[in-house]
Amino acid sequence: MKFPLYIALRYLYTKSNNNTIHIVTLIAAIGVAIGTMALFLVLSAFSGLKEFSVDIMSYSDPDIRVVPSKGKIMFFDENQKNTLSQINGVAYFASVLEERAYFKHRNNEVIAYLRGVDSNYIKVVPIEKNLLHGTWVTRKYPSLVLGNELSNKLELSIYNNNSAIEVFIPKKGTKYISSISNSYRKMSYAFQGIYSISQDIDSKYIYANIDAVSSIMGLKKDEISHIEVKVKQGFDVFEIKEKIKSVLGSDYDVKTKKELNSTFYKMLNTENLISYFVFTLILIVAMFNVVGAIIMIIINKKEHILTLYQMGLRLDDLKKIFILHGFLLSLLGLVIGLILGIALVILQEEYGFINISYNLPYPIDLNILNVLIVVLTMVILGFLASLLASSKVSFSLMKK
């Protein structure tokens, strides 16, 4: 193996007398480098997007959510609270009462979800870190914290926070609307603050104290929509999920954050896989340049090959020379492409020269797993391309 490797290295760094072969080899290496860089950047972009989405979900979704297996309302009394608090691994839990409602401020109207939360909610879901203006909901008086999108639609700001917001919720059991007063419960809320997480969340949820929401819905104190649970650091979320299921029983459905957003994760993983295959196909096309370059070198080095054969080198060893040559050429493109790709990822992480919006750089993540995927892909493709090209070395070549 040492001798074929020595000859392969000589063919790689020694300039050929035929300038065309030198240009074709250079183009092949550049093509592999660009393909490698593109594949690495796409994988890094999807990793960054996934991390970014997980960060957003941490401000809107809990580690675990407990919902009723039937209906929209469940009972959560003091005994159940004590039982849940005794589970090792549960850091905090919060009661949430949620209903779709109609909101009106002056001549502006929106339909969104009114989400009533207790004092523990911000310990489970740190949404208050995303407050743009004002403060979080309080128990002292009925007040609302709105998403940035909804506050714009209702034309609310810190300069008109004395304006009341009217909230209408359908009365339980109402099938036919005869009049607003008979069919809806109404309450006036104060404007407390504005949060901003993402466009989808900002245009969907309005937060209030759970007692105020329970009052407008006409429910009892222990009636809620679901329970949000924060898992202690170091504990497995799925293990805690199973413990909660065993303690609360079959009347409740227990879901983790990933299960709550399973459709999103499936979509993201599918897009990632499709992108990987598309850019791998581009790399395969680039590898044909490597195959062409090696074949041209084989033809150009026909006399050298014949001399080596006459010196006693076996046909398999002659093939190894060009397998190694093609593999080294692919490896050179891989190294250059990875260096360029990693450099661009680091620059994007540090300076964010590509933005999603005016002040939001496109998320990207430098992940060792992506490096390994790219290296493994290139090693396999490089070997197969070299193997294909080396098949041109045969006894018939010696006779010509």
Protein backbone atom coordinates (compact mmCIF):
# COMPACT_ATOMS: atom_id res chain seq x y z
CA MET A 1 0.00 0.00 0.00
CA LYS A 2 2.92 2.38 0.67
CA PHE A 3 4.13 2.39 -2.93
CA PRO A 4 0.69 2.96 -4.54
CA LEU A 5 0.13 5.76 -1.99
CA TYR A 6 3.48 7.34 -2.85
CA ILE A 7 2.66 7.31 -6.59
CA ALA A 8 -0.88 8.64 -5.93
CA LEU A 9 0.58 11.54 -3.93
CA ARG A 10 3.05 12.29 -6.71
CA TYR A 11 0.23 12.42 -9.25
CA LEU A 12 -1.72 14.72 -6.95
CA TYR A 13 0.85 17.46 -6.24
CA THR A 14 3.07 17.15 -9.33
CA LYS A 15 1.92 19.41 -12.15
CA SER A 16 1.10 17.51 -15.32
CA ASN A 17 2.71 18.37 -18.66
CA ASN A 18 -0.80 18.45 -20.08
CA ASN A 19 -2.31 21.73 -18.90
CA THR A 20 -5.85 20.52 -19.67
CA ILE A 21 -5.56 17.72 -17.12
CA HIS A 22 -4.32 20.17 -14.52
CA ILE A 23 -7.34 22.46 -15.15
CA VAL A 24 -9.83 19.56 -15.05
CA THR A 25 -8.32 18.30 -11.78
CA LEU A 26 -8.51 21.78 -10.28
CA ILE A 27 -12.14 22.16 -11.36
CA ALA A 28 -12.95 18.76 -9.83
CA ALA A 29 -11.39 19.76 -6.49
CA ILE A 30 -13.21 23.12 -6.50
CA GLY A 31 -16.51 21.41 -7.34
CA VAL A 32 -16.11 18.99 -4.44
CA ALA A 33 -15.16 21.86 -2.11
CA ILE A 34 -18.20 23.95 -3.08
CA GLY A 35 -20.53 20.95 -2.80
CA THR A 36 -19.11 20.06 0.61
CA MET A 37 -19.45 23.64 1.83
CA ALA A 38 -23.05 23.88 0.57
CA LEU A 39 -24.06 20.60 2.25
CA PHE A 40 -22.47 21.65 5.55
CA LEU A 41 -24.12 25.10 5.46
CA VAL A 42 -27.57 23.62 4.78
CA LEU A 43 -27.24 21.11 7.65
CA SER A 44 -25.96 23.87 9.97
CA ALA A 45 -28.85 26.14 8.97
CA PHE A 46 -31.42 23.46 9.79
CA SER A 47 -29.68 22.74 13.12
CA GLY A 48 -29.78 26.44 13.92
CA LEU A 49 -33.44 26.67 12.93
CA LYS A 50 -34.26 23.70 15.16
CA GLU A 51 -32.41 25.22 18.13
CA PHE A 52 -34.11 28.56 17.50
CA SER A 53 -37.54 26.91 17.42
CA VAL A 54 -36.81 24.99 20.63
CA ASP A 55 -35.82 28.29 22.31
CA ILE A 56 -39.09 29.89 21.18
CA MET A 57 -41.08 26.91 22.45
CA SER A 58 -39.42 27.22 25.87
CA TYR A 59 -41.17 30.62 26.19
CA SER A 60 -44.58 29.31 25.17
CA ASP A 61 -44.77 25.60 26.01
CA PRO A 62 -43.97 23.74 29.25
CA ASP A 63 -41.81 20.64 29.64
CA ILE A 64 -45.01 18.63 30.27
CA ARG A 65 -48.70 19.47 29.80
CA VAL A 66 -51.56 17.59 31.45
CA VAL A 67 -54.93 17.88 29.70
CA PRO A 68 -58.28 16.14 30.26
CA SER A 69 -58.73 13.00 28.16
CA LYS A 70 -62.34 14.06 27.53
CA GLY A 71 -63.77 17.52 27.21
CA LYS A 72 -62.11 20.91 27.72
CA ILE A 73 -62.36 21.31 31.50
CA MET A 74 -60.79 19.23 34.28
CA PHE A 75 -60.83 19.34 38.10
CA PHE A 76 -57.57 20.01 39.88
CA ASP A 77 -58.09 20.16 43.64
CA GLU A 78 -55.72 20.48 46.60
CA ASN A 79 -55.27 16.70 46.97
CA GLN A 80 -54.14 16.37 43.35
CA LYS A 81 -51.83 19.37 43.77
CA ASN A 82 -50.20 17.74 46.80
CA THR A 83 -49.84 14.45 44.91
CA LEU A 84 -48.21 16.16 41.93
CA SER A 85 -45.84 18.20 44.11
CA GLN A 86 -44.54 15.00 45.77
CA ILE A 87 -43.29 13.53 42.48
CA ASN A 88 -39.50 13.61 42.52
CA GLY A 89 -38.39 15.61 39.48
CA VAL A 90 -41.30 18.05 39.31
CA ALA A 91 -39.90 21.53 39.97
CA TYR A 92 -43.07 23.61 39.52
CA PHE A 93 -46.55 23.28 38.09
CA ALA A 94 -49.18 25.84 37.14
CA SER A 95 -52.92 25.83 36.50
CA VAL A 96 -54.14 27.25 33.19
CA LEU A 97 -57.67 28.10 32.06
CA GLU A 98 -58.03 28.80 28.36
CA GLU A 99 -60.92 29.82 26.12
CA ARG A 100 -61.38 31.43 22.74
CA ALA A 101 -62.75 34.95 23.15
CA TYR A 102 -63.69 38.17 21.37
CA PHE A 103 -61.73 41.28 22.33
CA LYS A 104 -62.73 44.88 21.65
CA HIS A 105 -60.84 48.12 22.23
CA ARG A 106 -62.60 51.23 20.97
CA ASN A 107 -63.36 50.44 17.29
CA ASN A 108 -60.82 47.61 17.01
CA GLU A 109 -61.73 43.93 17.34
CA VAL A 110 -59.83 40.63 17.41
CA ILE A 111 -60.53 36.99 18.19
CA ALA A 112 -57.85 35.19 20.19
CA TYR A 113 -57.32 32.77 23.07
CA LEU A 114 -57.74 34.17 26.57
CA ARG A 115 -55.30 32.23 28.73
CA GLY A 116 -55.73 32.53 32.50
CA VAL A 117 -52.63 31.61 34.49
CA ASP A 118 -51.73 31.45 38.17
CA SER A 119 -48.71 32.91 39.98
CA ASN A 120 -46.57 29.81 39.31
CA TYR A 121 -46.92 30.07 35.53
CA ILE A 122 -43.85 32.25 34.96
CA LYS A 123 -41.77 29.71 36.94
CA VAL A 124 -42.87 27.00 34.49
CA VAL A 125 -42.84 29.06 31.28
CA PRO A 126 -40.55 32.13 31.52
CA ILE A 127 -42.68 34.27 29.22
CA GLU A 128 -42.16 37.42 31.31
CA LYS A 129 -38.59 37.56 29.94
CA ASN A 130 -40.16 38.47 26.60
CA LEU A 131 -42.13 41.45 27.88
CA LEU A 132 -41.63 44.51 25.70
CA HIS A 133 -43.69 46.92 27.78
CA GLY A 134 -45.51 46.91 31.09
CA THR A 135 -45.58 44.15 33.69
CA TRP A 136 -46.89 40.63 34.01
CA VAL A 137 -50.52 39.90 35.01
CA THR A 138 -51.50 40.58 38.60
CA ARG A 139 -54.22 39.29 40.94
CA LYS A 140 -55.11 42.76 42.20
CA TYR A 141 -57.41 43.60 39.27
CA PRO A 142 -58.45 42.05 35.90
CA SER A 143 -55.67 42.90 33.48
CA LEU A 144 -54.35 41.58 30.17
CA VAL A 145 -50.89 40.98 28.71
CA LEU A 146 -51.13 40.82 24.92
CA GLY A 147 -48.88 39.63 22.14
CA ASN A 148 -47.26 42.32 20.04
CA GLU A 149 -49.35 41.43 16.96
CA LEU A 150 -52.64 41.59 18.89
CA SER A 151 -51.72 44.85 20.62
CA ASN A 152 -51.08 46.42 17.21
CA LYS A 153 -54.45 45.23 15.90
CA LEU A 154 -56.21 46.66 18.94
CA GLU A 155 -54.06 49.82 18.72
CA LEU A 156 -52.79 49.50 22.29
CA SER A 157 -49.61 51.05 23.61
CA ILE A 158 -48.04 52.21 26.85
CA TYR A 159 -49.45 55.68 26.09
CA ASN A 160 -53.10 54.57 26.22
CA ASN A 161 -52.90 51.95 28.97
CA ASN A 162 -55.84 53.50 30.79
CA SER A 163 -58.21 52.34 28.06
CA ALA A 164 -60.33 49.33 28.99
CA ILE A 165 -60.45 46.22 26.83
CA GLU A 166 -63.84 44.50 26.62
CA VAL A 167 -63.78 40.70 26.55
CA PHE A 168 -66.71 38.55 25.41
CA ILE A 169 -66.88 34.78 26.00
CA PRO A 170 -69.80 32.56 24.89
CA LYS A 171 -71.92 31.29 27.76
CA LYS A 172 -71.67 27.56 28.44
CA GLY A 173 -74.32 25.59 26.57
CA THR A 174 -75.24 28.42 24.19
CA LYS A 175 -76.22 27.00 20.80
CA TYR A 176 -78.09 29.86 19.19
CA ILE A 177 -77.12 33.50 19.59
CA SER A 178 -80.22 35.61 20.22
CA SER A 179 -78.45 38.65 21.69
CA ILE A 180 -75.04 39.68 22.99
CA SER A 181 -76.26 40.04 26.57
CA ASN A 182 -77.97 36.63 26.65
CA SER A 183 -75.32 34.65 24.77
CA TYR A 184 -72.02 36.12 25.99
CA ARG A 185 -70.36 36.86 29.29
CA LYS A 186 -68.65 40.23 29.30
CA MET A 187 -65.88 41.75 31.41
CA SER A 188 -63.68 44.82 31.12
CA TYR A 189 -59.94 44.33 31.57
CA ALA A 190 -57.11 46.79 32.04
CA PHE A 191 -54.11 46.81 29.70
CA GLN A 192 -51.10 45.44 31.63
CA GLY A 193 -48.31 44.76 29.14
CA ILE A 194 -47.05 43.53 25.76
CA TYR A 195 -44.91 40.45 25.06
CA SER A 196 -43.19 39.29 21.90
CA ILE A 197 -42.08 35.71 21.17
CA SER A 198 -42.99 34.89 17.57
CA GLN A 199 -45.58 36.13 15.09
CA ASP A 200 -47.68 33.00 15.48
CA ILE A 201 -47.77 33.12 19.30
CA ASP A 202 -48.07 36.92 19.47
CA SER A 203 -51.23 36.80 17.37
CA LYS A 204 -52.80 33.89 19.25
CA TYR A 205 -52.68 34.30 23.06
CA ILE A 206 -53.74 36.99 25.54
CA TYR A 207 -52.84 36.36 29.18
CA ALA A 208 -54.79 37.21 32.33
CA ASN A 209 -55.01 36.06 35.92
CA ILE A 210 -56.77 32.71 36.23
CA ASP A 211 -59.25 34.01 38.80
CA ALA A 212 -60.48 36.72 36.42
CA VAL A 213 -60.84 34.20 33.57
CA SER A 214 -62.64 31.74 35.84
CA SER A 215 -65.05 34.52 36.82
CA ILE A 216 -65.93 35.51 33.25
CA MET A 217 -66.38 31.86 32.27
CA GLY A 218 -68.57 31.18 35.31
CA LEU A 219 -66.49 28.22 36.50
CA LYS A 220 -65.59 26.93 39.95
CA LYS A 221 -62.20 27.53 41.55
CA ASP A 222 -60.81 24.03 40.87
CA GLU A 223 -61.95 23.88 37.22
CA ILE A 224 -59.09 24.43 34.75
CA SER A 225 -58.15 23.61 31.15
CA HIS A 226 -54.74 22.04 31.74
CA ILE A 227 -51.67 21.83 33.98
CA GLU A 228 -48.23 23.06 32.92
CA VAL A 229 -45.27 21.25 34.52
CA LYS A 230 -41.61 22.27 34.82
CA VAL A 231 -39.18 19.36 35.22
CA LYS A 232 -36.12 19.74 37.44
CA GLN A 233 -32.78 19.96 35.64
CA GLY A 234 -31.09 16.58 35.29
CA PHE A 235 -34.33 14.56 35.28
CA ASP A 236 -35.62 12.74 32.22
CA VAL A 237 -38.82 14.37 30.92
CA PHE A 238 -40.29 11.10 29.66
CA GLU A 239 -39.73 9.38 33.02
CA ILE A 240 -41.49 12.23 34.83
CA LYS A 241 -44.29 12.02 32.27
CA GLU A 242 -44.85 8.35 33.10
CA LYS A 243 -44.82 9.09 36.84
CA ILE A 244 -47.47 11.80 36.38
CA LYS A 245 -49.62 9.44 34.30
CA SER A 246 -49.42 6.72 36.94
CA VAL A 247 -50.31 9.17 39.74
CA LEU A 248 -53.17 11.09 38.07
CA GLY A 249 -54.74 8.12 36.27
CA SER A 250 -56.40 7.52 32.91
CA ASP A 251 -58.66 10.58 33.02
CA TYR A 252 -55.73 12.73 31.90
CA ASP A 253 -53.50 12.89 28.84
CA VAL A 254 -49.87 13.76 29.59
CA LYS A 255 -47.70 15.15 26.78
CA THR A 256 -44.12 16.38 26.61
CA LYS A 257 -43.03 19.50 24.73
CA LYS A 258 -41.90 17.39 21.76
CA GLU A 259 -45.24 15.58 21.65
CA LEU A 260 -47.11 18.90 21.80
CA ASN A 261 -45.14 20.05 18.75
CA SER A 262 -44.76 16.66 17.03
CA THR A 263 -46.06 17.94 13.68
CA PHE A 264 -43.51 20.75 13.65
CA TYR A 265 -40.62 18.41 14.50
CA LYS A 266 -41.69 15.92 11.82
CA MET A 267 -41.91 18.71 9.23
CA LEU A 268 -38.49 20.09 10.21
CA ASN A 269 -36.84 16.65 10.14
CA THR A 270 -38.46 15.84 6.78
CA GLU A 271 -37.24 19.11 5.26
CA ASN A 272 -33.78 18.48 6.68
CA LEU A 273 -33.69 14.98 5.17
CA ILE A 274 -34.94 16.19 1.76
CA SER A 275 -32.34 18.98 1.72
CA TYR A 276 -29.61 16.48 2.61
CA PHE A 277 -30.56 14.20 -0.29
CA VAL A 278 -30.84 17.12 -2.74
CA PHE A 279 -27.39 18.45 -1.88
CA THR A 280 -25.96 14.91 -1.85
CA LEU A 281 -27.20 14.57 -5.43
CA ILE A 282 -25.37 17.81 -6.25
CA LEU A 283 -22.25 16.30 -4.68
CA ILE A 284 -22.69 13.15 -6.76
CA VAL A 285 -22.73 15.32 -9.90
CA ALA A 286 -19.58 17.05 -8.63
CA MET A 287 -17.96 13.64 -8.09
CA PHE A 288 -18.35 12.87 -11.80
CA ASN A 289 -15.79 15.63 -12.33
CA VAL A 290 -13.45 13.63 -10.11
CA VAL A 291 -14.17 10.49 -12.16
CA GLY A 292 -13.46 12.37 -15.40
CA ALA A 293 -10.24 13.86 -14.01
CA ILE A 294 -8.94 10.45 -12.92
CA ILE A 295 -9.78 8.84 -16.27
CA MET A 296 -7.91 11.64 -18.08
CA ILE A 297 -4.90 11.08 -15.79
CA ILE A 298 -5.03 7.33 -16.47
CA ILE A 299 -4.97 7.98 -20.22
CA ASN A 300 -2.22 10.59 -19.84
CA LYS A 301 -0.12 8.28 -17.62
CA LYS A 302 -0.55 5.23 -19.85
CA GLU A 303 3.21 4.86 -20.43
CA HIS A 304 3.93 5.23 -16.70
CA ILE A 305 1.34 2.58 -15.92
CA LEU A 306 2.89 0.22 -18.49
CA THR A 307 6.38 0.82 -17.02
CA LEU A 308 5.15 0.11 -13.49
CA TYR A 309 3.44 -3.04 -14.73
CA GLN A 310 6.62 -4.25 -16.43
CA MET A 311 8.52 -3.56 -13.18
CA GLY A 312 6.30 -6.16 -11.49
CA LEU A 313 3.44 -4.11 -10.09
CA ARG A 314 0.21 -6.07 -10.13
CA LEU A 315 -2.96 -4.81 -11.82
CA ASP A 316 -4.68 -4.48 -8.43
CA ASP A 317 -1.83 -2.27 -7.18
CA LEU A 318 -2.11 -0.10 -10.29
CA LYS A 319 -5.82 0.32 -9.61
CA LYS A 320 -5.04 1.21 -5.99
CA ILE A 321 -2.88 4.10 -7.21
CA PHE A 322 -5.85 5.75 -8.89
CA ILE A 323 -8.31 4.79 -6.16
CA LEU A 324 -6.02 6.54 -3.69
CA HIS A 325 -5.46 9.45 -6.07
CA GLY A 326 -9.22 10.02 -6.47
CA PHE A 327 -9.78 9.57 -2.75
CA LEU A 328 -7.05 12.12 -1.92
CA LEU A 329 -8.51 14.56 -4.46
CA SER A 330 -11.93 14.19 -2.84
CA LEU A 331 -10.35 14.54 0.60
CA LEU A 332 -8.66 17.77 -0.49
CA GLY A 333 -12.02 19.17 -1.65
CA LEU A 334 -13.63 17.98 1.58
CA VAL A 335 -11.07 19.74 3.80
CA ILE A 336 -11.26 23.02 1.83
CA GLY A 337 -15.08 22.90 1.75
CA LEU A 338 -15.34 22.18 5.48
CA ILE A 339 -12.90 24.96 6.39
CA LEU A 340 -14.89 27.46 4.29
CA GLY A 341 -18.21 26.17 5.66
CA ILE A 342 -17.11 26.31 9.29
CA ALA A 343 -15.66 29.80 8.77
CA LEU A 344 -18.97 31.05 7.30
CA VAL A 345 -20.97 29.46 10.14
CA ILE A 346 -18.73 31.10 12.77
CA LEU A 347 -19.02 34.48 11.01
CA GLN A 348 -22.82 34.16 10.89
CA GLU A 349 -22.93 33.23 14.58
CA GLU A 350 -20.70 36.16 15.55
CA TYR A 351 -21.87 38.91 13.20
CA GLY A 352 -25.20 37.72 11.74
CA PHE A 353 -24.65 39.18 8.25
CA ILE A 354 -27.69 37.24 6.92
CA ASN A 355 -30.95 38.28 8.62
CA ILE A 356 -34.47 36.85 8.73
CA SER A 357 -35.78 40.28 9.62
CA TYR A 358 -34.27 43.69 10.34
CA ASN A 359 -32.86 42.77 13.76
CA LEU A 360 -33.03 38.97 13.73
CA PRO A 361 -30.04 37.11 12.24
CA TYR A 362 -30.70 33.76 10.58
CA PRO A 363 -30.08 31.06 13.22
CA ILE A 364 -27.21 28.70 12.48
CA ASP A 365 -25.48 26.10 14.63
CA LEU A 366 -21.94 24.72 14.48
CA ASN A 367 -22.62 21.08 15.27
CA ILE A 368 -20.05 18.26 15.40
CA LEU A 369 -22.73 15.82 14.17
CA ASN A 370 -23.10 17.82 10.94
CA VAL A 371 -19.32 17.70 10.44
CA LEU A 372 -19.38 13.91 10.84
CA ILE A 373 -22.32 13.55 8.42
CA VAL A 374 -20.55 15.61 5.76
CA VAL A 375 -17.24 13.75 6.24
CA LEU A 376 -18.93 10.33 6.08
CA THR A 377 -20.92 11.32 2.97
CA MET A 378 -17.82 12.61 1.19
CA VAL A 379 -15.67 9.62 2.16
CA ILE A 380 -18.25 7.21 0.74
CA LEU A 381 -18.84 9.22 -2.46
CA GLY A 382 -15.10 9.82 -2.94
CA PHE A 383 -14.31 6.12 -2.60
CA LEU A 384 -17.08 5.07 -5.00
CA ALA A 385 -16.03 7.68 -7.58
CA SER A 386 -12.39 6.56 -7.36
CA LEU A 387 -13.38 2.92 -7.60
CA LEU A 388 -15.43 3.64 -10.71
CA ALA A 389 -12.62 5.57 -12.40
CA SER A 390 -9.93 3.00 -11.52
CA SER A 391 -11.82 0.34 -13.45
CA LYS A 392 -10.34 1.92 -16.60
CA VAL A 393 -6.98 0.46 -15.58
CA SER A 394 -7.06 -2.95 -17.30
CA PHE A 395 -4.93 -5.33 -19.35
CA SER A 396 -6.43 -3.87 -22.53
CA LEU A 397 -4.89 -0.48 -21.58
CA MET A 398 -1.44 -2.10 -21.46
CA LYS A 399 -1.77 -3.57 -24.94
CA LYS A 400 -2.59 -0.29 -26.65
